[in-house]
């Protein structure tokens, strides 16, 4: 489930998704949980002069992804709409100016807009989408990895008494990730790439010798 201003949704939530599997493991594979990211966003279209504070070319925005069990996704979607409306109305001088509207688009998943009546008219302040597993499937396609494989390897290592932490970060190169883990004091890193599925071979790197 995703919540964010619509014009900034694509530029924010991809970074959040890359931390899904590592966060799920930290929570002992239990749902629900949410991940949020705050970042600087750039609008594709110029702002109207009378609404420059609301739709500026550049602004800081937040995207939040909330992961729930599939069978309860509809109930969580309805609950979250009510909670978000309560939050907006709590801080508004005119709570009645907020409304929830179903979007009439070609999207394949349910989406609603929380709208507010500004001096220039009605505008969307937040979009909430029930995206099912579409984002996670797209993530696997883009990275070329099936996360079931990495989950299986991590589970086997833990069963053997070897503590491990699984982290997927497709936005950074392997060398950048190795440097990060070296600073964290991780003694060994196991890398799974697109060839692992075909060859069954993984890459093991030693922190002290940097031998792979």
N, C-alpha and C. Protein backbone atom coordinates (compact mmCIF):
# COMPACT_ATOMS: atom_id res chain seq x y z
N UNK A 1 0.85 -1.17 0.00
CA UNK A 1 0.00 0.00 0.00
C UNK A 1 0.90 1.23 0.00
N UNK A 2 0.61 2.19 -0.87
CA UNK A 2 1.47 3.34 -1.04
C UNK A 2 0.70 4.62 -0.77
N UNK A 3 1.35 5.58 -0.11
CA UNK A 3 0.75 6.88 0.11
C UNK A 3 1.77 7.96 -0.19
N UNK A 4 1.41 8.90 -1.08
CA UNK A 4 2.32 9.94 -1.49
C UNK A 4 1.58 10.90 -2.43
N UNK A 5 2.09 12.12 -2.55
CA UNK A 5 1.57 13.03 -3.56
C UNK A 5 1.78 12.39 -4.93
N UNK A 6 0.78 12.36 -5.81
CA UNK A 6 0.85 11.58 -7.04
C UNK A 6 2.00 11.94 -7.95
N UNK A 7 2.34 13.24 -8.08
CA UNK A 7 3.37 13.61 -9.04
C UNK A 7 4.77 13.19 -8.59
N UNK A 8 4.92 12.75 -7.34
CA UNK A 8 6.24 12.37 -6.85
C UNK A 8 6.36 10.88 -6.54
N UNK A 9 5.30 10.11 -6.83
CA UNK A 9 5.29 8.71 -6.40
C UNK A 9 6.41 7.90 -7.02
N UNK A 10 6.64 8.04 -8.32
CA UNK A 10 7.63 7.21 -8.98
C UNK A 10 9.05 7.56 -8.58
N UNK A 11 9.30 8.82 -8.21
CA UNK A 11 10.66 9.25 -7.90
C UNK A 11 11.09 8.89 -6.49
N UNK A 12 10.14 8.44 -5.66
CA UNK A 12 10.48 8.16 -4.26
C UNK A 12 10.42 6.68 -3.89
N UNK A 13 9.35 5.98 -4.30
CA UNK A 13 9.10 4.69 -3.68
C UNK A 13 10.04 3.59 -4.13
N UNK A 14 10.78 3.77 -5.25
CA UNK A 14 11.71 2.73 -5.68
C UNK A 14 12.84 2.56 -4.66
N UNK A 15 13.29 3.66 -4.06
CA UNK A 15 14.33 3.56 -3.06
C UNK A 15 13.87 2.84 -1.81
N UNK A 16 12.60 3.03 -1.45
CA UNK A 16 12.05 2.35 -0.28
C UNK A 16 11.98 0.84 -0.52
N UNK A 17 11.60 0.45 -1.72
CA UNK A 17 11.42 -0.97 -2.04
C UNK A 17 12.71 -1.77 -1.89
N UNK A 18 13.84 -1.14 -2.18
CA UNK A 18 15.11 -1.87 -2.13
C UNK A 18 15.44 -2.36 -0.72
N UNK A 19 14.77 -1.82 0.29
CA UNK A 19 15.03 -2.23 1.67
C UNK A 19 13.95 -3.16 2.22
N UNK A 20 13.04 -3.61 1.36
CA UNK A 20 11.92 -4.42 1.84
C UNK A 20 12.39 -5.72 2.48
N UNK A 21 13.19 -6.50 1.78
CA UNK A 21 13.53 -7.84 2.26
C UNK A 21 14.42 -7.79 3.50
N UNK A 22 15.36 -6.85 3.55
CA UNK A 22 16.20 -6.75 4.75
C UNK A 22 15.37 -6.32 5.95
N UNK A 23 14.40 -5.42 5.73
CA UNK A 23 13.54 -4.98 6.84
C UNK A 23 12.62 -6.10 7.29
N UNK A 24 12.14 -6.90 6.34
CA UNK A 24 11.27 -8.01 6.69
C UNK A 24 12.00 -9.02 7.57
N UNK A 25 13.28 -9.25 7.28
CA UNK A 25 14.06 -10.17 8.09
C UNK A 25 14.31 -9.61 9.49
N UNK A 26 14.55 -8.31 9.58
CA UNK A 26 14.77 -7.70 10.89
C UNK A 26 13.53 -7.84 11.77
N UNK A 27 12.37 -7.93 11.15
CA UNK A 27 11.11 -8.07 11.88
C UNK A 27 10.67 -9.53 11.97
N UNK A 28 11.60 -10.44 11.74
CA UNK A 28 11.33 -11.88 11.85
C UNK A 28 10.23 -12.31 10.88
N UNK A 29 10.23 -11.71 9.68
CA UNK A 29 9.29 -12.07 8.62
C UNK A 29 7.83 -11.91 9.03
N UNK A 30 7.56 -10.87 9.83
CA UNK A 30 6.19 -10.65 10.30
C UNK A 30 5.63 -9.37 9.69
N UNK A 31 4.38 -9.47 9.23
CA UNK A 31 3.65 -8.33 8.71
C UNK A 31 2.56 -7.97 9.72
N UNK A 32 2.08 -6.69 9.71
CA UNK A 32 2.42 -5.62 8.79
C UNK A 32 3.59 -4.77 9.29
N UNK A 33 4.19 -4.00 8.36
CA UNK A 33 5.17 -2.99 8.72
C UNK A 33 5.25 -1.98 7.58
N UNK A 34 5.80 -0.82 7.88
CA UNK A 34 5.88 0.23 6.88
C UNK A 34 7.29 0.78 6.74
N UNK A 35 7.59 1.29 5.55
CA UNK A 35 8.86 1.94 5.27
C UNK A 35 8.57 3.30 4.64
N UNK A 36 9.33 4.30 5.04
CA UNK A 36 9.11 5.66 4.53
C UNK A 36 10.42 6.26 4.07
N UNK A 37 10.33 7.16 3.10
CA UNK A 37 11.50 7.86 2.60
C UNK A 37 11.15 9.32 2.35
N UNK A 38 12.02 10.19 2.77
CA UNK A 38 11.86 11.62 2.53
C UNK A 38 12.95 12.05 1.57
N UNK A 39 12.58 12.76 0.52
CA UNK A 39 13.59 13.16 -0.47
C UNK A 39 13.18 14.41 -1.21
N UNK A 40 14.14 14.96 -1.92
CA UNK A 40 13.89 16.14 -2.74
C UNK A 40 13.36 15.70 -4.09
N UNK A 41 12.26 16.28 -4.51
CA UNK A 41 11.58 15.89 -5.75
C UNK A 41 11.46 17.09 -6.68
N UNK A 42 11.39 16.79 -7.96
CA UNK A 42 11.30 17.81 -8.98
C UNK A 42 10.07 17.55 -9.85
N UNK A 43 9.20 18.55 -9.97
CA UNK A 43 7.99 18.41 -10.76
C UNK A 43 8.32 18.52 -12.24
N UNK A 44 7.56 17.79 -13.06
CA UNK A 44 7.79 17.81 -14.50
C UNK A 44 7.18 19.04 -15.17
N UNK A 45 6.16 19.60 -14.54
CA UNK A 45 5.48 20.74 -15.12
C UNK A 45 5.67 21.97 -14.24
N UNK A 46 5.61 23.12 -14.86
CA UNK A 46 5.80 24.37 -14.12
C UNK A 46 4.59 24.65 -13.24
N UNK A 47 4.83 25.30 -12.12
CA UNK A 47 3.76 25.62 -11.18
C UNK A 47 2.97 26.83 -11.66
N UNK A 48 1.68 26.83 -11.37
CA UNK A 48 0.87 28.01 -11.64
C UNK A 48 1.24 29.09 -10.64
N UNK A 49 1.17 30.32 -11.08
CA UNK A 49 1.63 31.43 -10.24
C UNK A 49 0.87 31.51 -8.92
N UNK A 50 -0.46 31.26 -8.94
CA UNK A 50 -1.25 31.40 -7.73
C UNK A 50 -1.08 30.22 -6.78
N UNK A 51 -0.41 29.12 -7.20
CA UNK A 51 -0.27 27.96 -6.35
C UNK A 51 1.19 27.53 -6.23
N UNK A 52 2.10 28.51 -6.25
CA UNK A 52 3.51 28.18 -6.26
C UNK A 52 3.97 27.50 -4.98
N UNK A 53 3.31 27.81 -3.83
CA UNK A 53 3.71 27.16 -2.58
C UNK A 53 3.31 25.70 -2.54
N UNK A 54 2.26 25.35 -3.27
CA UNK A 54 1.75 23.98 -3.25
C UNK A 54 2.40 23.11 -4.32
N UNK A 55 2.62 23.65 -5.50
CA UNK A 55 3.14 22.85 -6.61
C UNK A 55 4.39 23.49 -7.18
N UNK A 56 5.39 23.65 -6.33
CA UNK A 56 6.65 24.23 -6.76
C UNK A 56 7.42 23.26 -7.64
N UNK A 57 8.38 23.77 -8.40
CA UNK A 57 9.21 22.93 -9.25
C UNK A 57 10.03 21.94 -8.41
N UNK A 58 10.46 22.38 -7.23
CA UNK A 58 11.29 21.55 -6.37
C UNK A 58 10.74 21.62 -4.95
N UNK A 59 10.64 20.46 -4.32
CA UNK A 59 10.13 20.44 -2.96
C UNK A 59 10.53 19.13 -2.28
N UNK A 60 10.40 19.10 -0.97
CA UNK A 60 10.67 17.89 -0.20
C UNK A 60 9.36 17.16 0.04
N UNK A 61 9.34 15.86 -0.28
CA UNK A 61 8.13 15.06 -0.14
C UNK A 61 8.46 13.74 0.53
N UNK A 62 7.42 13.01 0.96
CA UNK A 62 7.60 11.73 1.61
C UNK A 62 6.75 10.67 0.94
N UNK A 63 7.33 9.48 0.79
CA UNK A 63 6.61 8.32 0.30
C UNK A 63 6.64 7.24 1.38
N UNK A 64 5.50 6.61 1.61
CA UNK A 64 5.43 5.55 2.61
C UNK A 64 4.79 4.32 1.98
N UNK A 65 5.46 3.17 2.13
CA UNK A 65 4.93 1.90 1.68
C UNK A 65 4.59 1.06 2.91
N UNK A 66 3.39 0.53 2.94
CA UNK A 66 2.92 -0.25 4.08
C UNK A 66 2.58 -1.65 3.59
N UNK A 67 3.27 -2.65 4.14
CA UNK A 67 3.14 -4.02 3.67
C UNK A 67 2.25 -4.81 4.64
N UNK A 68 1.26 -5.49 4.08
CA UNK A 68 0.28 -6.21 4.90
C UNK A 68 0.07 -7.61 4.31
N UNK A 69 -0.49 -8.55 5.09
CA UNK A 69 -0.83 -9.87 4.54
C UNK A 69 -1.84 -9.73 3.40
N UNK A 70 -1.68 -10.51 2.32
CA UNK A 70 -2.56 -10.38 1.15
C UNK A 70 -4.05 -10.48 1.48
N UNK A 71 -4.42 -11.40 2.36
CA UNK A 71 -5.83 -11.61 2.66
C UNK A 71 -6.45 -10.44 3.42
N UNK A 72 -5.62 -9.61 4.04
CA UNK A 72 -6.13 -8.48 4.83
C UNK A 72 -5.88 -7.13 4.14
N UNK A 73 -5.42 -7.17 2.90
CA UNK A 73 -5.05 -5.92 2.22
C UNK A 73 -6.24 -4.98 2.04
N UNK A 74 -7.41 -5.53 1.69
CA UNK A 74 -8.59 -4.68 1.50
C UNK A 74 -9.01 -3.98 2.77
N UNK A 75 -8.99 -4.71 3.89
CA UNK A 75 -9.38 -4.12 5.17
C UNK A 75 -8.39 -3.04 5.59
N UNK A 76 -7.11 -3.28 5.39
CA UNK A 76 -6.09 -2.29 5.72
C UNK A 76 -6.22 -1.06 4.82
N UNK A 77 -6.56 -1.26 3.57
CA UNK A 77 -6.72 -0.15 2.64
C UNK A 77 -7.84 0.78 3.10
N UNK A 78 -8.96 0.20 3.51
CA UNK A 78 -10.09 1.02 4.00
C UNK A 78 -9.72 1.71 5.31
N UNK A 79 -9.07 0.97 6.21
CA UNK A 79 -8.68 1.55 7.50
C UNK A 79 -7.71 2.71 7.33
N UNK A 80 -6.76 2.54 6.43
CA UNK A 80 -5.75 3.59 6.26
C UNK A 80 -6.36 4.85 5.66
N UNK A 81 -7.33 4.71 4.79
CA UNK A 81 -8.01 5.90 4.26
C UNK A 81 -8.64 6.70 5.39
N UNK A 82 -9.32 6.01 6.29
CA UNK A 82 -9.98 6.71 7.41
C UNK A 82 -8.95 7.37 8.32
N UNK A 83 -7.86 6.68 8.60
CA UNK A 83 -6.82 7.24 9.47
C UNK A 83 -6.18 8.47 8.85
N UNK A 84 -5.92 8.42 7.55
CA UNK A 84 -5.29 9.57 6.89
C UNK A 84 -6.23 10.77 6.85
N UNK A 85 -7.51 10.52 6.63
CA UNK A 85 -8.48 11.61 6.63
C UNK A 85 -8.57 12.24 8.02
N UNK A 86 -8.56 11.42 9.05
CA UNK A 86 -8.58 11.95 10.41
C UNK A 86 -7.36 12.81 10.68
N UNK A 87 -6.19 12.39 10.19
CA UNK A 87 -4.96 13.14 10.39
C UNK A 87 -5.02 14.50 9.71
N UNK A 88 -5.47 14.52 8.45
CA UNK A 88 -5.55 15.79 7.73
C UNK A 88 -6.55 16.75 8.40
N UNK A 89 -7.70 16.24 8.78
CA UNK A 89 -8.73 17.09 9.36
C UNK A 89 -8.36 17.58 10.75
N UNK A 90 -7.51 16.82 11.45
CA UNK A 90 -7.11 17.19 12.80
C UNK A 90 -6.36 18.52 12.81
N UNK A 91 -5.57 18.78 11.77
CA UNK A 91 -4.73 19.98 11.73
C UNK A 91 -5.29 21.07 10.82
N UNK A 92 -6.48 20.87 10.31
CA UNK A 92 -7.06 21.83 9.37
C UNK A 92 -8.01 22.79 10.06
N UNK A 93 -8.00 24.04 9.62
CA UNK A 93 -8.94 25.02 10.15
C UNK A 93 -10.34 24.80 9.60
N UNK A 94 -10.43 24.12 8.44
CA UNK A 94 -11.74 23.80 7.85
C UNK A 94 -11.74 22.32 7.46
N UNK A 95 -11.97 21.42 8.42
CA UNK A 95 -11.93 19.98 8.16
C UNK A 95 -12.86 19.52 7.04
N UNK A 96 -13.97 20.21 6.86
CA UNK A 96 -14.93 19.79 5.84
C UNK A 96 -14.42 20.01 4.43
N UNK A 97 -13.29 20.71 4.28
CA UNK A 97 -12.74 20.96 2.94
C UNK A 97 -11.99 19.74 2.39
N UNK A 98 -11.82 18.70 3.21
CA UNK A 98 -11.14 17.48 2.76
C UNK A 98 -12.17 16.45 2.30
N UNK A 99 -11.80 15.68 1.30
CA UNK A 99 -12.66 14.61 0.80
C UNK A 99 -11.80 13.50 0.21
N UNK A 100 -12.39 12.29 0.16
CA UNK A 100 -11.72 11.13 -0.46
C UNK A 100 -12.44 10.81 -1.76
N UNK A 101 -11.67 10.73 -2.85
CA UNK A 101 -12.26 10.51 -4.16
C UNK A 101 -11.56 9.34 -4.84
N UNK A 102 -12.33 8.40 -5.38
CA UNK A 102 -11.76 7.32 -6.17
C UNK A 102 -11.24 7.88 -7.49
N UNK A 103 -10.06 7.44 -7.89
CA UNK A 103 -9.49 7.93 -9.15
C UNK A 103 -10.06 7.15 -10.32
N UNK A 104 -10.35 7.87 -11.39
CA UNK A 104 -10.84 7.24 -12.61
C UNK A 104 -9.69 7.19 -13.61
N UNK A 105 -8.84 6.21 -13.44
CA UNK A 105 -7.68 6.06 -14.31
C UNK A 105 -7.64 4.64 -14.84
N UNK A 106 -6.59 4.34 -15.63
CA UNK A 106 -6.43 3.00 -16.19
C UNK A 106 -5.57 2.13 -15.28
N UNK A 107 -5.41 2.53 -14.01
CA UNK A 107 -4.61 1.74 -13.09
C UNK A 107 -5.26 0.38 -12.85
N UNK A 108 -4.43 -0.62 -12.62
CA UNK A 108 -4.92 -1.97 -12.39
C UNK A 108 -5.11 -2.26 -10.91
N UNK A 109 -4.95 -1.25 -10.07
CA UNK A 109 -5.11 -1.44 -8.63
C UNK A 109 -5.92 -0.27 -8.06
N UNK A 110 -6.64 -0.52 -6.97
CA UNK A 110 -7.49 0.53 -6.38
C UNK A 110 -6.65 1.73 -5.91
N UNK A 111 -7.13 2.92 -6.20
CA UNK A 111 -6.42 4.15 -5.83
C UNK A 111 -7.42 5.22 -5.45
N UNK A 112 -7.14 5.94 -4.37
CA UNK A 112 -7.98 7.06 -3.97
C UNK A 112 -7.11 8.29 -3.76
N UNK A 113 -7.70 9.45 -3.97
CA UNK A 113 -7.03 10.72 -3.72
C UNK A 113 -7.68 11.42 -2.53
N UNK A 114 -6.87 11.93 -1.64
CA UNK A 114 -7.37 12.83 -0.60
C UNK A 114 -7.23 14.24 -1.14
N UNK A 115 -8.35 14.94 -1.24
CA UNK A 115 -8.37 16.24 -1.89
C UNK A 115 -8.77 17.33 -0.90
N UNK A 116 -8.30 18.54 -1.20
CA UNK A 116 -8.61 19.70 -0.37
C UNK A 116 -9.06 20.84 -1.27
N UNK A 117 -10.02 21.60 -0.78
CA UNK A 117 -10.53 22.74 -1.55
C UNK A 117 -9.69 23.97 -1.24
N UNK A 118 -8.80 24.31 -2.17
CA UNK A 118 -7.95 25.50 -2.05
C UNK A 118 -8.67 26.71 -2.63
N UNK A 119 -8.12 27.92 -2.43
CA UNK A 119 -8.73 29.11 -3.04
C UNK A 119 -8.85 29.01 -4.56
N UNK A 120 -7.93 28.25 -5.21
CA UNK A 120 -7.98 28.11 -6.66
C UNK A 120 -8.82 26.92 -7.12
N UNK A 121 -9.30 26.12 -6.16
CA UNK A 121 -10.10 24.96 -6.53
C UNK A 121 -9.66 23.71 -5.79
N UNK A 122 -10.18 22.58 -6.20
CA UNK A 122 -9.88 21.30 -5.55
C UNK A 122 -8.58 20.73 -6.10
N UNK A 123 -7.71 20.27 -5.19
CA UNK A 123 -6.44 19.68 -5.59
C UNK A 123 -6.12 18.50 -4.68
N UNK A 124 -5.32 17.56 -5.19
CA UNK A 124 -4.96 16.36 -4.44
C UNK A 124 -3.75 16.63 -3.56
N UNK A 125 -3.86 16.27 -2.28
CA UNK A 125 -2.74 16.43 -1.35
C UNK A 125 -2.07 15.11 -1.02
N UNK A 126 -2.77 14.00 -1.30
CA UNK A 126 -2.20 12.69 -1.01
C UNK A 126 -2.90 11.64 -1.86
N UNK A 127 -2.13 10.66 -2.29
CA UNK A 127 -2.70 9.53 -3.04
C UNK A 127 -2.39 8.23 -2.32
N UNK A 128 -3.39 7.38 -2.18
CA UNK A 128 -3.23 6.09 -1.51
C UNK A 128 -3.60 5.00 -2.50
N UNK A 129 -2.70 4.05 -2.70
CA UNK A 129 -2.92 2.98 -3.67
C UNK A 129 -2.73 1.62 -3.02
N UNK A 130 -3.57 0.69 -3.38
CA UNK A 130 -3.42 -0.71 -2.98
C UNK A 130 -2.77 -1.42 -4.16
N UNK A 131 -1.45 -1.61 -4.08
CA UNK A 131 -0.68 -2.04 -5.23
C UNK A 131 -0.42 -3.56 -5.27
N UNK A 132 -0.98 -4.28 -4.32
CA UNK A 132 -0.79 -5.73 -4.26
C UNK A 132 0.70 -6.06 -4.28
N UNK A 133 1.14 -7.04 -5.09
CA UNK A 133 2.56 -7.41 -5.11
C UNK A 133 3.26 -6.90 -6.36
N UNK A 134 2.65 -5.95 -7.08
CA UNK A 134 3.21 -5.50 -8.35
C UNK A 134 4.59 -4.88 -8.20
N UNK A 135 4.81 -4.08 -7.16
CA UNK A 135 6.11 -3.43 -6.97
C UNK A 135 7.20 -4.44 -6.65
N UNK A 136 6.88 -5.45 -5.84
CA UNK A 136 7.88 -6.44 -5.48
C UNK A 136 8.25 -7.30 -6.68
N UNK A 137 7.28 -7.62 -7.52
CA UNK A 137 7.57 -8.39 -8.73
C UNK A 137 8.43 -7.58 -9.69
N UNK A 138 8.13 -6.28 -9.81
CA UNK A 138 8.95 -5.41 -10.68
C UNK A 138 10.38 -5.30 -10.16
N UNK A 139 10.53 -5.27 -8.84
CA UNK A 139 11.86 -5.19 -8.25
C UNK A 139 12.69 -6.40 -8.61
N UNK A 140 12.10 -7.58 -8.57
CA UNK A 140 12.83 -8.79 -8.93
C UNK A 140 13.22 -8.79 -10.40
N UNK A 141 12.35 -8.26 -11.27
CA UNK A 141 12.66 -8.20 -12.69
C UNK A 141 13.82 -7.24 -12.97
N UNK A 142 13.83 -6.10 -12.29
CA UNK A 142 14.86 -5.09 -12.54
C UNK A 142 16.22 -5.53 -12.02
N UNK A 143 16.23 -6.21 -10.88
CA UNK A 143 17.50 -6.64 -10.31
C UNK A 143 17.98 -7.96 -10.91
N UNK A 144 17.07 -8.68 -11.56
CA UNK A 144 17.44 -9.97 -12.13
C UNK A 144 17.57 -11.06 -11.09
N UNK A 145 17.07 -10.84 -9.88
CA UNK A 145 17.22 -11.81 -8.80
C UNK A 145 15.87 -12.25 -8.29
N UNK A 146 15.79 -13.49 -7.90
CA UNK A 146 14.63 -13.99 -7.18
C UNK A 146 14.97 -13.96 -5.70
N UNK A 147 14.24 -13.16 -4.93
CA UNK A 147 14.57 -13.00 -3.52
C UNK A 147 14.33 -14.29 -2.73
N UNK A 148 13.61 -15.23 -3.32
CA UNK A 148 13.43 -16.50 -2.64
C UNK A 148 14.78 -17.22 -2.50
N UNK A 149 15.68 -17.04 -3.46
CA UNK A 149 16.99 -17.69 -3.40
C UNK A 149 17.81 -17.11 -2.26
N UNK A 150 17.88 -15.79 -2.18
CA UNK A 150 18.67 -15.16 -1.13
C UNK A 150 18.07 -15.43 0.24
N UNK A 151 16.74 -15.47 0.33
CA UNK A 151 16.10 -15.82 1.60
C UNK A 151 16.47 -17.24 2.01
N UNK A 152 16.52 -18.14 1.03
CA UNK A 152 16.86 -19.54 1.31
C UNK A 152 18.29 -19.66 1.82
N UNK A 153 19.23 -18.95 1.17
CA UNK A 153 20.63 -19.00 1.60
C UNK A 153 20.79 -18.44 3.00
N UNK A 154 20.12 -17.31 3.28
CA UNK A 154 20.21 -16.71 4.61
C UNK A 154 19.63 -17.63 5.67
N UNK A 155 18.54 -18.30 5.34
CA UNK A 155 17.92 -19.22 6.31
C UNK A 155 18.83 -20.41 6.59
N UNK A 156 19.50 -20.93 5.55
CA UNK A 156 20.42 -22.05 5.74
C UNK A 156 21.61 -21.66 6.61
N UNK A 157 22.12 -20.45 6.40
CA UNK A 157 23.25 -19.99 7.21
C UNK A 157 22.85 -19.86 8.67
N UNK A 158 21.68 -19.32 8.93
CA UNK A 158 21.23 -19.18 10.32
C UNK A 158 21.00 -20.54 10.97
N UNK A 159 20.46 -21.48 10.19
CA UNK A 159 20.24 -22.83 10.72
C UNK A 159 21.56 -23.49 11.11
N UNK A 160 22.61 -23.16 10.36
CA UNK A 160 23.94 -23.71 10.65
C UNK A 160 24.64 -22.96 11.77
N UNK A 161 23.98 -21.99 12.38
CA UNK A 161 24.56 -21.24 13.48
C UNK A 161 25.43 -20.08 13.06
N UNK A 162 25.29 -19.64 11.80
CA UNK A 162 26.09 -18.52 11.30
C UNK A 162 25.19 -17.28 11.22
N UNK A 163 25.42 -16.28 12.08
CA UNK A 163 24.60 -15.06 12.03
C UNK A 163 24.79 -14.34 10.70
N UNK A 164 23.70 -13.88 10.12
CA UNK A 164 23.81 -13.16 8.85
C UNK A 164 22.67 -12.15 8.74
N UNK A 165 22.89 -11.18 7.89
CA UNK A 165 21.90 -10.14 7.63
C UNK A 165 21.82 -9.93 6.13
N UNK A 166 20.62 -10.07 5.59
CA UNK A 166 20.43 -9.95 4.15
C UNK A 166 20.05 -8.51 3.80
N UNK A 167 20.74 -7.94 2.83
CA UNK A 167 20.46 -6.57 2.41
C UNK A 167 20.55 -6.47 0.89
N UNK A 168 19.47 -5.98 0.27
CA UNK A 168 19.47 -5.75 -1.18
C UNK A 168 19.50 -4.25 -1.44
N UNK A 169 20.48 -3.82 -2.22
CA UNK A 169 20.63 -2.39 -2.48
C UNK A 169 21.03 -2.20 -3.94
N UNK A 170 20.09 -2.35 -4.88
CA UNK A 170 20.42 -2.25 -6.31
C UNK A 170 20.83 -0.85 -6.74
N UNK A 171 20.65 0.16 -5.89
CA UNK A 171 20.99 1.52 -6.27
C UNK A 171 22.50 1.80 -6.15
N UNK A 172 23.24 0.90 -5.48
CA UNK A 172 24.68 1.10 -5.32
C UNK A 172 25.44 -0.08 -5.91
N UNK A 173 26.65 0.20 -6.36
CA UNK A 173 27.48 -0.83 -6.97
C UNK A 173 27.96 -1.81 -5.91
N UNK A 174 28.49 -2.96 -6.37
CA UNK A 174 29.00 -3.96 -5.44
C UNK A 174 30.13 -3.39 -4.60
N UNK A 175 31.03 -2.63 -5.21
CA UNK A 175 32.17 -2.08 -4.48
C UNK A 175 31.71 -1.10 -3.41
N UNK A 176 30.70 -0.30 -3.72
CA UNK A 176 30.17 0.63 -2.72
C UNK A 176 29.55 -0.12 -1.55
N UNK A 177 28.86 -1.20 -1.84
CA UNK A 177 28.26 -1.99 -0.77
C UNK A 177 29.32 -2.70 0.06
N UNK A 178 30.38 -3.21 -0.60
CA UNK A 178 31.47 -3.85 0.14
C UNK A 178 32.13 -2.85 1.09
N UNK A 179 32.36 -1.63 0.61
CA UNK A 179 32.97 -0.60 1.45
C UNK A 179 32.09 -0.28 2.65
N UNK A 180 30.81 -0.25 2.42
CA UNK A 180 29.86 0.03 3.52
C UNK A 180 29.91 -1.07 4.57
N UNK A 181 29.91 -2.32 4.13
CA UNK A 181 29.93 -3.44 5.07
C UNK A 181 31.28 -3.55 5.79
N UNK A 182 32.37 -3.17 5.10
CA UNK A 182 33.68 -3.15 5.76
C UNK A 182 33.67 -2.18 6.93
N UNK A 183 33.05 -1.00 6.72
CA UNK A 183 32.97 -0.01 7.79
C UNK A 183 32.10 -0.51 8.95
N UNK A 184 31.12 -1.35 8.64
CA UNK A 184 30.24 -1.90 9.67
C UNK A 184 30.89 -3.05 10.43
N UNK A 185 32.02 -3.55 9.90
CA UNK A 185 32.71 -4.65 10.55
C UNK A 185 32.19 -6.02 10.18
N UNK A 186 31.54 -6.13 9.02
CA UNK A 186 31.04 -7.44 8.57
C UNK A 186 32.22 -8.26 8.04
N UNK A 187 32.52 -9.43 8.64
CA UNK A 187 33.72 -10.18 8.26
C UNK A 187 33.63 -10.82 6.88
N UNK A 188 32.44 -11.30 6.48
CA UNK A 188 32.28 -11.95 5.19
C UNK A 188 31.01 -11.45 4.51
N UNK A 189 31.09 -11.29 3.20
CA UNK A 189 29.92 -10.91 2.41
C UNK A 189 29.68 -11.97 1.35
N UNK A 190 28.42 -12.37 1.20
CA UNK A 190 28.03 -13.34 0.18
C UNK A 190 27.16 -12.62 -0.83
N UNK A 191 27.59 -12.62 -2.09
CA UNK A 191 26.88 -11.90 -3.15
C UNK A 191 26.19 -12.88 -4.08
N UNK A 192 24.93 -12.58 -4.41
CA UNK A 192 24.15 -13.37 -5.36
C UNK A 192 23.85 -12.48 -6.55
N UNK A 193 24.18 -12.95 -7.76
CA UNK A 193 23.93 -12.15 -8.95
C UNK A 193 23.03 -12.90 -9.93
N UNK A 194 22.86 -12.32 -11.13
CA UNK A 194 21.93 -12.90 -12.09
C UNK A 194 22.37 -14.27 -12.60
N UNK A 195 23.66 -14.60 -12.45
CA UNK A 195 24.14 -15.90 -12.92
C UNK A 195 23.97 -17.01 -11.88
N UNK A 196 23.68 -16.64 -10.65
CA UNK A 196 23.56 -17.64 -9.59
C UNK A 196 22.47 -18.65 -9.89
N UNK A 197 21.37 -18.17 -10.46
CA UNK A 197 20.26 -19.07 -10.78
C UNK A 197 20.69 -20.14 -11.78
N UNK A 198 21.56 -19.75 -12.73
CA UNK A 198 21.98 -20.69 -13.78
C UNK A 198 23.13 -21.59 -13.31
N UNK A 199 24.10 -21.01 -12.58
CA UNK A 199 25.31 -21.75 -12.24
C UNK A 199 25.32 -22.31 -10.82
N UNK A 200 24.51 -21.72 -9.94
CA UNK A 200 24.52 -22.14 -8.54
C UNK A 200 25.73 -21.63 -7.79
N UNK A 201 26.48 -20.66 -8.35
CA UNK A 201 27.70 -20.15 -7.75
C UNK A 201 27.44 -18.79 -7.12
N UNK A 202 27.89 -18.62 -5.89
CA UNK A 202 27.81 -17.33 -5.20
C UNK A 202 29.22 -16.80 -4.96
N UNK A 203 29.32 -15.51 -4.69
CA UNK A 203 30.61 -14.86 -4.45
C UNK A 203 30.76 -14.58 -2.95
N UNK A 204 31.86 -15.04 -2.37
CA UNK A 204 32.15 -14.81 -0.96
C UNK A 204 33.37 -13.91 -0.86
N UNK A 205 33.27 -12.83 -0.08
CA UNK A 205 34.36 -11.86 0.05
C UNK A 205 34.77 -11.74 1.51
N UNK A 206 36.09 -11.76 1.75
CA UNK A 206 36.65 -11.60 3.09
C UNK A 206 36.97 -10.14 3.34
N UNK A 207 36.50 -9.60 4.46
CA UNK A 207 36.72 -8.18 4.75
C UNK A 207 38.19 -7.84 4.94
N UNK A 208 38.92 -8.70 5.66
CA UNK A 208 40.31 -8.38 6.00
C UNK A 208 41.26 -8.52 4.81
N UNK A 209 41.02 -9.52 3.96
CA UNK A 209 41.93 -9.75 2.83
C UNK A 209 41.37 -9.21 1.52
N UNK A 210 40.08 -8.90 1.49
CA UNK A 210 39.34 -8.47 0.29
C UNK A 210 39.42 -9.51 -0.82
N UNK A 211 39.77 -10.75 -0.46
CA UNK A 211 39.83 -11.83 -1.45
C UNK A 211 38.42 -12.31 -1.72
N UNK A 212 38.11 -12.53 -3.01
CA UNK A 212 36.78 -13.00 -3.41
C UNK A 212 36.91 -14.43 -3.96
